[in-house]
């Protein structure tokens, strides 16, 4: 079960790194009308994806 959660973390983290705009829209963008994410919001989304992927890799390794 832990391996499944770890793989899910890695996959979701990678998607967040590769496609930060759509992930931002699914998370926060639907709340605002006619608004695009800022560079800071996209960078935060990418950093969060990297951290989530690292947590998944650590869970797999341990």
N, C-alpha and C. Protein backbone atom coordinates (compact mmCIF):
# COMPACT_ATOMS: atom_id res chain seq x y z
N UNK A 1 0.82 -1.19 0.00
CA UNK A 1 0.00 0.00 0.00
C UNK A 1 0.86 1.26 0.00
N UNK A 2 1.96 1.21 0.76
CA UNK A 2 2.85 2.37 0.82
C UNK A 2 3.49 2.63 -0.54
N UNK A 3 3.84 1.56 -1.25
CA UNK A 3 4.45 1.72 -2.57
C UNK A 3 3.46 2.37 -3.54
N UNK A 4 2.22 2.00 -3.44
CA UNK A 4 1.19 2.59 -4.31
C UNK A 4 1.05 4.09 -4.05
N UNK A 5 1.04 4.48 -2.79
CA UNK A 5 0.97 5.89 -2.44
C UNK A 5 2.22 6.62 -2.91
N UNK A 6 3.38 5.99 -2.77
CA UNK A 6 4.64 6.59 -3.21
C UNK A 6 4.64 6.81 -4.72
N UNK A 7 4.20 5.84 -5.47
CA UNK A 7 4.15 5.97 -6.93
C UNK A 7 3.15 7.06 -7.33
N UNK A 8 2.04 7.13 -6.63
CA UNK A 8 1.05 8.18 -6.89
C UNK A 8 1.65 9.57 -6.62
N UNK A 9 2.43 9.68 -5.54
CA UNK A 9 3.10 10.95 -5.24
C UNK A 9 4.07 11.34 -6.34
N UNK A 10 4.83 10.39 -6.83
CA UNK A 10 5.80 10.67 -7.89
C UNK A 10 5.07 11.10 -9.16
N UNK A 11 4.02 10.41 -9.52
CA UNK A 11 3.28 10.74 -10.75
C UNK A 11 2.63 12.11 -10.65
N UNK A 12 1.96 12.39 -9.53
CA UNK A 12 1.30 13.69 -9.37
C UNK A 12 2.31 14.82 -9.28
N UNK A 13 3.44 14.57 -8.64
CA UNK A 13 4.49 15.57 -8.58
C UNK A 13 5.07 15.87 -9.95
N UNK A 14 5.27 14.83 -10.75
CA UNK A 14 5.80 15.04 -12.10
C UNK A 14 4.81 15.81 -12.97
N UNK A 15 3.54 15.51 -12.84
CA UNK A 15 2.53 16.23 -13.61
C UNK A 15 2.51 17.70 -13.19
N UNK A 16 2.67 17.94 -11.91
CA UNK A 16 2.67 19.32 -11.41
C UNK A 16 3.89 20.09 -11.90
N UNK A 17 5.01 19.41 -12.07
CA UNK A 17 6.22 20.07 -12.58
C UNK A 17 6.09 20.35 -14.08
N UNK A 18 5.56 19.40 -14.81
CA UNK A 18 5.48 19.53 -16.27
C UNK A 18 4.35 20.47 -16.70
N UNK A 19 3.21 20.39 -16.04
CA UNK A 19 2.04 21.20 -16.41
C UNK A 19 1.56 22.04 -15.22
N UNK A 20 2.32 23.05 -14.81
CA UNK A 20 1.90 23.82 -13.63
C UNK A 20 0.66 24.69 -13.88
N UNK A 21 0.47 25.17 -15.11
CA UNK A 21 -0.67 26.03 -15.41
C UNK A 21 -2.01 25.33 -15.23
N UNK A 22 -2.22 24.20 -15.89
CA UNK A 22 -3.49 23.49 -15.69
C UNK A 22 -3.70 23.02 -14.26
N UNK A 23 -2.64 22.62 -13.58
CA UNK A 23 -2.77 22.20 -12.18
C UNK A 23 -3.16 23.39 -11.32
N UNK A 24 -2.57 24.57 -11.59
CA UNK A 24 -2.95 25.77 -10.85
C UNK A 24 -4.43 26.09 -11.09
N UNK A 25 -4.86 25.95 -12.33
CA UNK A 25 -6.26 26.24 -12.64
C UNK A 25 -7.19 25.28 -11.90
N UNK A 26 -6.83 23.99 -11.86
CA UNK A 26 -7.67 23.03 -11.15
C UNK A 26 -7.68 23.27 -9.65
N UNK A 27 -6.57 23.78 -9.11
CA UNK A 27 -6.48 24.02 -7.68
C UNK A 27 -7.10 25.35 -7.26
N UNK A 28 -6.72 26.43 -7.97
CA UNK A 28 -7.12 27.77 -7.54
C UNK A 28 -7.81 28.59 -8.63
N UNK A 29 -7.48 28.38 -9.86
CA UNK A 29 -7.95 29.23 -10.94
C UNK A 29 -9.45 29.26 -11.13
N UNK A 30 -10.13 28.18 -10.79
CA UNK A 30 -11.57 28.14 -10.96
C UNK A 30 -12.27 29.12 -10.03
N UNK A 31 -11.57 29.60 -9.01
CA UNK A 31 -12.17 30.54 -8.06
C UNK A 31 -12.21 31.97 -8.60
N UNK A 32 -11.36 32.26 -9.57
CA UNK A 32 -11.22 33.62 -10.07
C UNK A 32 -11.69 33.70 -11.52
N UNK A 33 -12.25 34.84 -11.88
CA UNK A 33 -12.75 35.03 -13.23
C UNK A 33 -11.71 35.79 -14.05
N UNK A 34 -11.41 35.30 -15.25
CA UNK A 34 -10.51 35.96 -16.20
C UNK A 34 -9.15 36.28 -15.58
N UNK A 35 -8.52 35.31 -14.95
CA UNK A 35 -7.24 35.54 -14.30
C UNK A 35 -6.26 34.46 -14.70
N UNK A 36 -5.04 34.88 -14.99
CA UNK A 36 -3.97 33.94 -15.30
C UNK A 36 -3.05 33.82 -14.09
N UNK A 37 -2.38 32.67 -13.94
CA UNK A 37 -1.47 32.52 -12.81
C UNK A 37 -0.22 33.40 -12.98
N UNK A 38 0.28 33.90 -11.89
CA UNK A 38 1.50 34.69 -11.93
C UNK A 38 2.71 33.76 -12.03
N UNK A 39 3.86 34.34 -12.31
CA UNK A 39 5.08 33.53 -12.36
C UNK A 39 5.37 32.90 -11.00
N UNK A 40 5.11 33.66 -9.95
CA UNK A 40 5.34 33.14 -8.60
C UNK A 40 4.43 31.95 -8.31
N UNK A 41 3.18 32.02 -8.74
CA UNK A 41 2.25 30.91 -8.52
C UNK A 41 2.69 29.67 -9.30
N UNK A 42 3.15 29.86 -10.52
CA UNK A 42 3.62 28.72 -11.31
C UNK A 42 4.89 28.13 -10.72
N UNK A 43 5.79 29.00 -10.23
CA UNK A 43 7.02 28.50 -9.62
C UNK A 43 6.71 27.74 -8.33
N UNK A 44 5.77 28.25 -7.56
CA UNK A 44 5.37 27.56 -6.33
C UNK A 44 4.76 26.21 -6.66
N UNK A 45 3.99 26.14 -7.72
CA UNK A 45 3.40 24.87 -8.15
C UNK A 45 4.49 23.88 -8.54
N UNK A 46 5.50 24.36 -9.26
CA UNK A 46 6.61 23.48 -9.67
C UNK A 46 7.41 23.00 -8.47
N UNK A 47 7.72 23.90 -7.55
CA UNK A 47 8.48 23.51 -6.36
C UNK A 47 7.70 22.49 -5.54
N UNK A 48 6.41 22.70 -5.41
CA UNK A 48 5.58 21.73 -4.71
C UNK A 48 5.58 20.37 -5.40
N UNK A 49 5.58 20.37 -6.72
CA UNK A 49 5.65 19.11 -7.46
C UNK A 49 6.97 18.40 -7.27
N UNK A 50 8.06 19.17 -7.23
CA UNK A 50 9.37 18.59 -7.00
C UNK A 50 9.42 17.96 -5.60
N UNK A 51 8.92 18.69 -4.61
CA UNK A 51 8.92 18.16 -3.24
C UNK A 51 8.05 16.91 -3.13
N UNK A 52 6.91 16.92 -3.77
CA UNK A 52 6.03 15.74 -3.74
C UNK A 52 6.71 14.54 -4.40
N UNK A 53 7.40 14.76 -5.51
CA UNK A 53 8.12 13.67 -6.16
C UNK A 53 9.25 13.15 -5.29
N UNK A 54 9.97 14.06 -4.63
CA UNK A 54 11.05 13.63 -3.73
C UNK A 54 10.51 12.80 -2.57
N UNK A 55 9.39 13.21 -2.02
CA UNK A 55 8.78 12.44 -0.94
C UNK A 55 8.40 11.05 -1.44
N UNK A 56 7.86 10.97 -2.66
CA UNK A 56 7.53 9.66 -3.23
C UNK A 56 8.75 8.79 -3.43
N UNK A 57 9.84 9.37 -3.93
CA UNK A 57 11.06 8.59 -4.12
C UNK A 57 11.64 8.13 -2.78
N UNK A 58 11.57 8.97 -1.78
CA UNK A 58 12.06 8.57 -0.45
C UNK A 58 11.21 7.44 0.11
N UNK A 59 9.90 7.52 -0.10
CA UNK A 59 9.02 6.44 0.38
C UNK A 59 9.33 5.13 -0.33
N UNK A 60 9.66 5.20 -1.60
CA UNK A 60 10.00 3.98 -2.34
C UNK A 60 11.33 3.39 -1.83
N UNK A 61 12.29 4.28 -1.56
CA UNK A 61 13.62 3.84 -1.16
C UNK A 61 13.63 3.22 0.24
N UNK A 62 12.76 3.70 1.10
CA UNK A 62 12.78 3.24 2.49
C UNK A 62 11.89 2.07 2.68
